[in-house]
Amino acid sequence: MKILRLYEAKYPHIQVFQNETNIGGEANFTKCIQNMEGEYAAIYHADDVYMPTIVEEEVKFLINNLDCNSVSTSGYEIDDKSIIIGQRFTPLNLEKYAKFNQIELCTKIQ
């Protein structure tokens, strides 16, 4: 949290929210969505490691695809030494998720 608070102090458009207790994934996402402001908003997880260009690539994609209102990422699973031990990919066919949304790794909601 110390590093996040430094960024929050340096960049007024960044807001960091921390729950006093573990409220669970669904309640946490709801709280994040309720606090979103601005043209773009992102939810990142404290226990994940992100590629250095993730924000740039996601915003660029949204700018170039105005009919799209959200993005998600694929990801690698790594061990405690940062060795890739698996991978998770966003499905290419999203039709089956039209009624039941269980897509993992969402990093942006607009």
Protein backbone atom coordinates (compact mmCIF):
# COMPACT_ATOMS: atom_id res chain seq x y z
CA MET A 1 0.00 0.00 0.00
CA LYS A 2 2.91 2.33 0.63
CA ILE A 3 3.84 2.45 -3.07
CA LEU A 4 0.21 2.90 -4.09
CA ARG A 5 -0.19 5.81 -1.68
CA LEU A 6 2.91 7.47 -3.21
CA TYR A 7 1.36 7.24 -6.68
CA GLU A 8 -1.96 8.48 -5.35
CA ALA A 9 -0.22 11.53 -3.83
CA LYS A 10 1.77 12.24 -7.01
CA TYR A 11 -1.07 11.74 -9.51
CA PRO A 12 -4.40 13.27 -8.46
CA HIS A 13 -6.38 11.17 -10.97
CA ILE A 14 -5.32 7.94 -9.22
CA GLN A 15 -7.46 6.83 -6.30
CA VAL A 16 -6.62 3.86 -4.11
CA PHE A 17 -9.32 2.15 -2.07
CA GLN A 18 -8.57 -0.43 0.61
CA ASN A 19 -11.20 -2.41 2.46
CA GLU A 20 -10.81 -2.76 6.21
CA THR A 21 -11.78 -6.42 5.98
CA ASN A 22 -12.00 -9.01 3.22
CA ILE A 23 -15.40 -8.39 1.61
CA GLY A 24 -15.06 -11.04 -1.10
CA GLY A 25 -14.55 -10.76 -4.83
CA GLU A 26 -18.07 -9.86 -5.95
CA ALA A 27 -18.60 -7.16 -3.32
CA ASN A 28 -15.15 -5.78 -4.06
CA PHE A 29 -15.85 -5.51 -7.81
CA THR A 30 -19.19 -3.83 -7.06
CA LYS A 31 -17.46 -1.32 -4.80
CA CYS A 32 -14.84 -0.62 -7.48
CA ILE A 33 -17.50 -0.02 -10.12
CA GLN A 34 -19.44 2.31 -7.80
CA ASN A 35 -16.30 4.41 -7.22
CA MET A 36 -15.20 4.67 -10.86
CA GLU A 37 -14.93 8.11 -12.45
CA GLY A 38 -13.49 9.45 -15.67
CA GLU A 39 -13.22 8.26 -19.22
CA TYR A 40 -11.33 5.06 -18.34
CA ALA A 41 -11.18 3.00 -15.20
CA ALA A 42 -9.30 -0.16 -14.32
CA ILE A 43 -9.36 -2.77 -11.60
CA TYR A 44 -6.03 -4.43 -10.84
CA HIS A 45 -5.38 -7.11 -8.25
CA ALA A 46 -2.74 -6.78 -5.55
CA ASP A 47 -1.62 -10.38 -5.94
CA ASP A 48 -1.07 -10.19 -9.73
CA VAL A 49 1.98 -9.09 -11.72
CA TYR A 50 1.26 -7.07 -14.86
CA MET A 51 3.25 -6.49 -18.01
CA PRO A 52 4.72 -2.95 -18.11
CA THR A 53 2.59 -1.87 -21.10
CA ILE A 54 -0.80 -3.26 -20.01
CA VAL A 55 -2.47 0.12 -19.47
CA GLU A 56 -1.11 1.61 -22.70
CA GLU A 57 -2.20 -1.42 -24.74
CA GLU A 58 -5.69 -1.54 -23.24
CA VAL A 59 -6.37 2.17 -23.77
CA LYS A 60 -4.99 2.01 -27.32
CA PHE A 61 -7.30 -0.92 -28.06
CA LEU A 62 -10.33 0.97 -26.75
CA ILE A 63 -9.45 4.09 -28.74
CA ASN A 64 -9.11 2.02 -31.91
CA ASN A 65 -12.30 0.01 -31.25
CA LEU A 66 -14.98 2.51 -30.25
CA ASP A 67 -17.69 -0.16 -30.44
CA CYS A 68 -15.98 -1.96 -27.55
CA ASN A 69 -16.61 -0.86 -23.95
CA SER A 70 -14.35 -3.20 -22.00
CA VAL A 71 -11.20 -5.27 -22.31
CA SER A 72 -9.81 -8.31 -20.57
CA THR A 73 -6.45 -9.99 -20.70
CA SER A 74 -4.97 -13.38 -21.04
CA GLY A 75 -2.44 -14.30 -18.43
CA TYR A 76 0.40 -16.51 -17.40
CA GLU A 77 0.50 -18.37 -14.11
CA ILE A 78 3.90 -18.05 -12.44
CA ASP A 79 5.55 -19.62 -9.43
CA ASP A 80 7.33 -17.79 -6.61
CA LYS A 81 10.42 -17.44 -8.83
CA SER A 82 8.40 -15.88 -11.70
CA ILE A 83 8.74 -19.03 -13.82
CA ILE A 84 5.74 -19.54 -16.11
CA ILE A 85 3.91 -22.69 -15.01
CA GLY A 86 0.60 -22.22 -16.85
CA GLN A 87 -1.54 -19.82 -18.80
CA ARG A 88 -5.11 -18.55 -18.91
CA PHE A 89 -6.64 -17.23 -22.09
CA THR A 90 -9.82 -15.26 -22.60
CA PRO A 91 -12.13 -17.40 -24.75
CA LEU A 92 -12.46 -16.27 -28.37
CA ASN A 93 -16.10 -17.39 -28.58
CA LEU A 94 -18.02 -15.40 -25.98
CA GLU A 95 -21.51 -16.44 -27.12
CA LYS A 96 -21.93 -18.95 -24.29
CA TYR A 97 -21.29 -16.13 -21.78
CA ALA A 98 -24.25 -14.04 -23.02
CA LYS A 99 -26.48 -15.30 -20.17
CA PHE A 100 -23.91 -16.29 -17.57
CA ASN A 101 -20.75 -14.21 -17.28
CA GLN A 102 -17.84 -15.99 -15.68
CA ILE A 103 -14.94 -14.49 -17.61
CA GLU A 104 -11.83 -14.21 -15.48
CA LEU A 105 -9.04 -11.64 -15.69
CA CYS A 106 -11.16 -8.57 -16.43
CA THR A 107 -8.98 -5.49 -15.98
CA LYS A 108 -11.11 -2.69 -17.37
CA ILE A 109 -14.72 -1.68 -17.18
CA GLN A 110 -16.00 1.49 -18.80
